[in-house]
Amino acid sequence: MGFRTRREAKIGCMEVALVLQAYLDGEVDETVARRVGAHLEICRRCGMKADTYRLIKAALARGGTGWDDLTRRRLQDFAHRVGLDQDSGT
């Protein structure tokens, strides 16, 4: 049984990519959240991607004061392409 639990707990980069936005928005069940969280702790690439998305989402939520229009539009366009703008009001 220990082997099965350990095997079930693993999730790969491709699977994380499919659910990352939902995970960051708190829209996944506890099992998926635990698996994605564990993966993000050990995978530098996925962890950095998640951190970047969190920073962009937070910046958009703050309204990006002090940004020029081109920077704001580019960030909003990127957020839209990766699905970050659902809650940001953009």
Protein backbone atom coordinates (compact mmCIF):
# COMPACT_ATOMS: atom_id res chain seq x y z
CA MET A 1 0.00 0.00 0.00
CA GLY A 2 2.84 2.44 0.73
CA PHE A 3 4.12 2.07 -2.82
CA ARG A 4 0.69 2.77 -4.29
CA THR A 5 0.23 5.91 -2.19
CA ARG A 6 3.63 7.24 -3.20
CA ARG A 7 2.96 6.48 -6.87
CA GLU A 8 -0.48 8.12 -6.83
CA ALA A 9 0.94 11.25 -5.22
CA LYS A 10 3.27 12.00 -8.14
CA ILE A 11 2.21 14.47 -10.79
CA GLY A 12 4.31 15.58 -13.75
CA CYS A 13 5.01 18.94 -15.32
CA MET A 14 2.49 18.38 -18.12
CA GLU A 15 -0.28 17.58 -15.64
CA VAL A 16 0.65 20.59 -13.50
CA ALA A 17 0.50 22.84 -16.57
CA LEU A 18 -3.07 21.69 -17.22
CA VAL A 19 -4.32 22.62 -13.74
CA LEU A 20 -1.93 25.37 -12.62
CA GLN A 21 -4.33 28.27 -13.09
CA ALA A 22 -7.16 26.45 -11.33
CA TYR A 23 -4.72 25.53 -8.53
CA LEU A 24 -3.60 29.14 -8.11
CA ASP A 25 -7.25 30.24 -8.01
CA GLY A 26 -8.08 27.62 -5.37
CA GLU A 27 -10.44 25.82 -7.73
CA VAL A 28 -9.08 22.26 -7.44
CA ASP A 29 -9.97 19.58 -4.95
CA GLU A 30 -7.77 18.81 -1.96
CA THR A 31 -6.06 15.82 -3.58
CA VAL A 32 -5.07 17.74 -6.71
CA ALA A 33 -3.97 20.72 -4.62
CA ARG A 34 -1.75 18.49 -2.50
CA ARG A 35 -0.19 16.85 -5.57
CA VAL A 36 0.41 20.13 -7.40
CA GLY A 37 1.80 21.75 -4.25
CA ALA A 38 4.22 18.86 -3.74
CA HIS A 39 5.33 19.08 -7.38
CA LEU A 40 5.88 22.84 -7.15
CA GLU A 41 8.11 22.33 -4.12
CA ILE A 42 10.48 20.01 -5.99
CA CYS A 43 10.28 21.27 -9.59
CA ARG A 44 12.14 24.53 -10.03
CA ARG A 45 10.71 25.25 -13.48
CA CYS A 46 7.07 24.76 -12.48
CA GLY A 47 7.64 26.57 -9.18
CA MET A 48 9.09 29.58 -10.98
CA LYS A 49 6.19 29.57 -13.43
CA ALA A 50 3.69 29.55 -10.56
CA ASP A 51 5.56 32.35 -8.78
CA THR A 52 5.61 34.43 -11.97
CA TYR A 53 1.87 33.93 -12.48
CA ARG A 54 1.22 34.91 -8.86
CA LEU A 55 3.26 38.11 -9.25
CA ILE A 56 1.54 39.07 -12.51
CA LYS A 57 -1.88 38.39 -11.07
CA ALA A 58 -1.10 40.45 -7.96
CA ALA A 59 0.25 43.32 -10.07
CA LEU A 60 -2.86 43.33 -12.24
CA ALA A 61 -5.08 43.25 -9.15
CA ARG A 62 -3.26 46.33 -7.82
CA GLY A 63 -3.96 48.11 -11.09
CA GLY A 64 -0.32 48.56 -12.12
CA THR A 65 0.00 52.13 -10.96
CA GLY A 66 2.97 53.87 -12.52
CA TRP A 67 3.01 51.68 -15.64
CA ASP A 68 2.91 53.16 -19.10
CA ASP A 69 0.01 52.11 -21.33
CA LEU A 70 2.12 49.76 -23.48
CA THR A 71 3.41 47.85 -20.43
CA ARG A 72 -0.10 47.56 -18.98
CA ARG A 73 -1.54 46.32 -22.30
CA ARG A 74 1.24 43.76 -22.76
CA LEU A 75 0.77 42.41 -19.26
CA GLN A 76 -3.00 42.27 -19.69
CA ASP A 77 -2.62 40.51 -23.06
CA PHE A 78 -0.24 37.96 -21.56
CA ALA A 79 -2.54 37.40 -18.59
CA HIS A 80 -5.47 36.89 -20.93
CA ARG A 81 -3.53 34.34 -23.03
CA VAL A 82 -2.60 32.25 -19.99
CA GLY A 83 -5.94 32.64 -18.23
CA LEU A 84 -4.84 34.92 -15.38
CA ASP A 85 -7.35 37.67 -16.01
CA GLN A 86 -10.48 35.85 -14.83
CA ASP A 87 -10.51 37.52 -11.42
CA SER A 88 -8.38 40.59 -12.08
CA GLY A 89 -11.08 42.74 -13.65
CA THR A 90 -9.16 43.18 -16.90
